[in-house]
Protein backbone atom coordinates (compact mmCIF):
# COMPACT_ATOMS: atom_id res chain seq x y z
CA UNK A 1 142.45 25.24 180.47
CA UNK A 2 140.58 23.52 177.87
CA UNK A 3 140.63 23.03 174.17
CA UNK A 4 137.86 22.40 171.77
CA UNK A 5 138.83 21.75 168.29
CA UNK A 6 138.28 19.36 165.69
CA UNK A 7 142.30 18.91 164.65
CA UNK A 8 145.29 20.74 165.44
CA UNK A 9 146.20 20.99 161.98
CA UNK A 10 143.30 23.06 160.58
CA UNK A 11 144.03 26.64 160.41
CA UNK A 12 141.01 28.23 162.16
CA UNK A 13 140.80 31.54 163.92
CA UNK A 14 141.20 30.98 167.73
CA UNK A 15 139.25 32.35 170.37
CA UNK A 16 139.73 32.33 174.05
CA UNK A 17 136.92 32.42 176.22
CA UNK A 18 137.52 33.56 179.95
CA UNK A 19 134.48 33.25 182.41
CA UNK A 20 134.14 31.65 185.72
CA UNK A 21 130.67 30.65 184.71
CA UNK A 22 130.58 27.08 183.15
CA UNK A 23 127.42 27.19 181.70
CA UNK A 24 128.49 30.33 179.82
CA UNK A 25 131.45 28.83 178.72
CA UNK A 26 130.08 25.88 177.27
CA UNK A 27 127.11 27.68 175.40
CA UNK A 28 129.52 30.09 173.93
CA UNK A 29 132.21 27.43 173.06
CA UNK A 30 129.55 25.62 171.24
CA UNK A 31 128.37 28.57 169.38
CA UNK A 32 131.77 29.71 168.28
CA UNK A 33 132.76 26.21 167.39
CA UNK A 34 129.99 26.23 164.80
CA UNK A 35 131.17 29.67 163.53
CA UNK A 36 134.54 27.98 162.72
CA UNK A 37 136.92 28.79 165.57
CA UNK A 38 139.19 26.93 167.61
CA UNK A 39 137.92 27.66 171.18
CA UNK A 40 140.02 27.66 174.21
CA UNK A 41 138.36 28.47 178.00
CA UNK A 42 139.92 29.66 181.37
CA UNK A 43 138.00 30.21 184.49
CA UNK A 44 140.88 32.32 185.98
CA UNK A 45 143.39 34.92 185.11
CA UNK A 46 146.19 32.33 185.71
CA UNK A 47 144.52 29.69 183.40
CA UNK A 48 143.96 32.49 180.41
CA UNK A 49 147.76 33.55 180.84
CA UNK A 50 148.71 29.77 180.52
CA UNK A 51 146.44 29.34 177.43
CA UNK A 52 148.01 32.43 175.77
CA UNK A 53 151.72 31.42 176.71
CA UNK A 54 151.12 27.92 174.79
CA UNK A 55 148.76 29.13 172.10
CA UNK A 56 148.67 31.74 169.36
CA UNK A 57 145.31 33.27 170.14
CA UNK A 58 143.70 35.87 167.74
CA UNK A 59 140.54 36.99 169.78
CA UNK A 60 139.58 36.83 173.43
CA UNK A 61 136.30 37.46 175.33
CA UNK A 62 136.95 38.27 179.06
CA UNK A 63 134.52 38.59 181.71
CA UNK A 64 135.04 41.83 184.12
CA UNK A 65 134.30 39.85 187.18
CA UNK A 66 135.96 36.63 187.70
CA UNK A 67 135.44 35.15 191.20
CA UNK A 68 137.53 37.42 193.32
CA UNK A 69 139.66 38.68 190.47
CA UNK A 70 139.09 41.51 187.51
CA UNK A 71 139.16 40.79 184.20
CA UNK A 72 140.53 44.43 183.58
CA UNK A 73 143.85 42.69 185.31
CA UNK A 74 144.24 40.46 182.41
CA UNK A 75 143.93 42.72 179.58
CA UNK A 76 147.26 43.72 179.92
CA UNK A 77 148.94 40.30 180.55
CA UNK A 78 147.41 38.96 177.39
CA UNK A 79 148.21 41.86 175.14
CA UNK A 80 151.81 41.66 176.38
CA UNK A 81 152.14 38.07 175.55
CA UNK A 82 150.24 38.43 172.28
CA UNK A 83 150.24 42.01 170.95
CA UNK A 84 148.32 41.17 167.97
CA UNK A 85 145.25 39.78 170.34
CA UNK A 86 141.76 41.32 169.88
CA UNK A 87 140.05 41.58 173.15
CA UNK A 88 136.38 41.92 173.93
CA UNK A 89 135.42 42.76 177.80
CA UNK A 90 132.25 41.14 178.82
CA UNK A 91 130.36 42.18 181.77
CA UNK A 92 126.91 41.67 183.61
CA UNK A 93 128.14 44.69 185.89
CA UNK A 94 128.89 47.53 183.33
CA UNK A 95 129.75 50.95 184.14
CA UNK A 96 131.44 53.95 182.29
CA UNK A 97 134.79 53.66 184.48
CA UNK A 98 135.30 49.97 183.85
CA UNK A 99 134.46 50.50 180.02
CA UNK A 100 137.03 53.40 179.80
CA UNK A 101 139.46 51.51 181.56
CA UNK A 102 138.99 48.25 179.47
CA UNK A 103 139.59 50.60 176.19
CA UNK A 104 142.54 52.10 177.92
CA UNK A 105 144.36 48.98 178.80
CA UNK A 106 143.87 47.68 175.24
CA UNK A 107 140.23 45.92 174.73
CA UNK A 108 139.04 46.58 171.45
CA UNK A 109 135.46 46.79 172.72
CA UNK A 110 133.44 46.44 175.64
CA UNK A 111 129.81 44.58 175.76
CA UNK A 112 127.23 44.09 178.35
CA UNK A 113 125.53 40.76 179.14
CA UNK A 114 123.67 39.44 177.96
CA UNK A 115 125.28 38.91 174.59
CA UNK A 116 125.50 35.87 172.36
CA UNK A 117 128.17 34.93 169.87
CA UNK A 118 126.75 37.19 167.11
CA UNK A 119 126.95 40.16 169.39
CA UNK A 120 130.52 39.34 170.24
CA UNK A 121 131.72 38.87 166.52
CA UNK A 122 129.87 42.38 165.54
CA UNK A 123 131.82 44.07 168.45
CA UNK A 124 135.17 42.63 167.05
CA UNK A 125 133.75 43.98 163.75
CA UNK A 126 133.12 47.23 165.32
CA UNK A 127 136.50 47.76 166.90
CA UNK A 128 136.96 51.13 165.27
CA UNK A 129 134.08 52.69 166.84
CA UNK A 130 131.17 54.21 165.38
CA UNK A 131 130.86 58.24 165.23
CA UNK A 132 126.94 57.65 164.37
CA UNK A 133 126.32 56.16 167.75
CA UNK A 134 122.98 57.08 169.12
CA UNK A 135 122.87 59.49 172.26
CA UNK A 136 120.33 58.55 174.90
CA UNK A 137 118.07 61.75 175.29
CA UNK A 138 117.59 60.96 178.93
CA UNK A 139 120.17 61.78 181.54
CA UNK A 140 120.94 58.73 183.62
CA UNK A 141 118.96 58.16 186.84
CA UNK A 142 120.39 58.88 190.29
CA UNK A 143 120.46 55.02 190.91
CA UNK A 144 122.48 54.86 187.71
CA UNK A 145 124.80 57.61 188.60
CA UNK A 146 125.40 55.97 191.98
CA UNK A 147 126.31 52.84 190.46
CA UNK A 148 128.78 54.57 188.15
CA UNK A 149 130.27 56.44 191.09
CA UNK A 150 130.84 53.48 192.91
CA UNK A 151 132.45 51.55 190.21
CA UNK A 152 134.56 54.44 189.52
CA UNK A 153 135.99 54.31 193.33
CA UNK A 154 136.37 50.55 193.06
CA UNK A 155 138.31 50.91 190.18
CA UNK A 156 140.49 53.35 191.75
CA UNK A 157 140.93 51.15 194.84
CA UNK A 158 141.75 48.17 192.41
CA UNK A 159 138.67 46.14 193.34
CA UNK A 160 139.28 46.33 197.19
CA UNK A 161 135.84 46.56 198.75
CA UNK A 162 136.78 47.66 202.25
CA UNK A 163 139.16 50.52 200.89
CA UNK A 164 136.25 51.65 198.45
CA UNK A 165 133.67 51.45 201.47
CA UNK A 166 135.95 53.74 203.30
CA UNK A 167 136.40 56.17 200.42
CA UNK A 168 132.50 56.23 199.93
CA UNK A 169 131.85 56.36 204.02
CA UNK A 170 129.98 53.54 203.62
CA UNK A 171 129.66 50.24 205.62
CA UNK A 172 131.49 47.27 203.84
CA UNK A 173 128.44 45.15 203.89
CA UNK A 174 126.20 47.87 202.59
CA UNK A 175 128.50 48.51 199.76
CA UNK A 176 128.45 44.47 199.33
CA UNK A 177 124.82 44.31 198.98
CA UNK A 178 124.94 47.02 196.22
CA UNK A 179 127.68 45.56 194.28
CA UNK A 180 125.65 42.16 194.15
CA UNK A 181 122.84 43.83 192.43
CA UNK A 182 122.52 44.47 188.61
CA UNK A 183 123.23 47.95 187.54
CA UNK A 184 120.40 50.06 186.87
CA UNK A 185 119.86 50.94 183.07
CA UNK A 186 118.79 54.63 183.15
């Protein structure tokens, strides 16, 4: 856990960034400090829970994939500690199923990487949803549908790759290779 603040006496909004990527945390910490936030960082679910138990956090940005952990597991924990906490789920591995789960668990929004501090702040501001959101005129590609299906089954098996591979009738290594690739857009 680390805190990047000028002084504990100032009343700044507080933000918790949870990601296992050090460079991302450094860049985002700097960007949010420039925007007037008291920034706290964590690399794991355990570190994030510790920060939330010690500090009154206003907002959190949680990465979906934290080494061997799922950021989805952290949402309920953080909200149980801080019911007023607004959480954005941020991921480079987006899927419909993880977006739905994040919202059901209490996140106010879901963003795909790459996202900058402005994108994240806009996502907090748009937490109520947009009934005017555009609808893609093209249906998703077969590759995208496969990615979505794999993510759904993976979510149903709590991130267990072996159980997911069995459920999909796929070799575990094949599934691991598919999961390491970025999701196709459409």
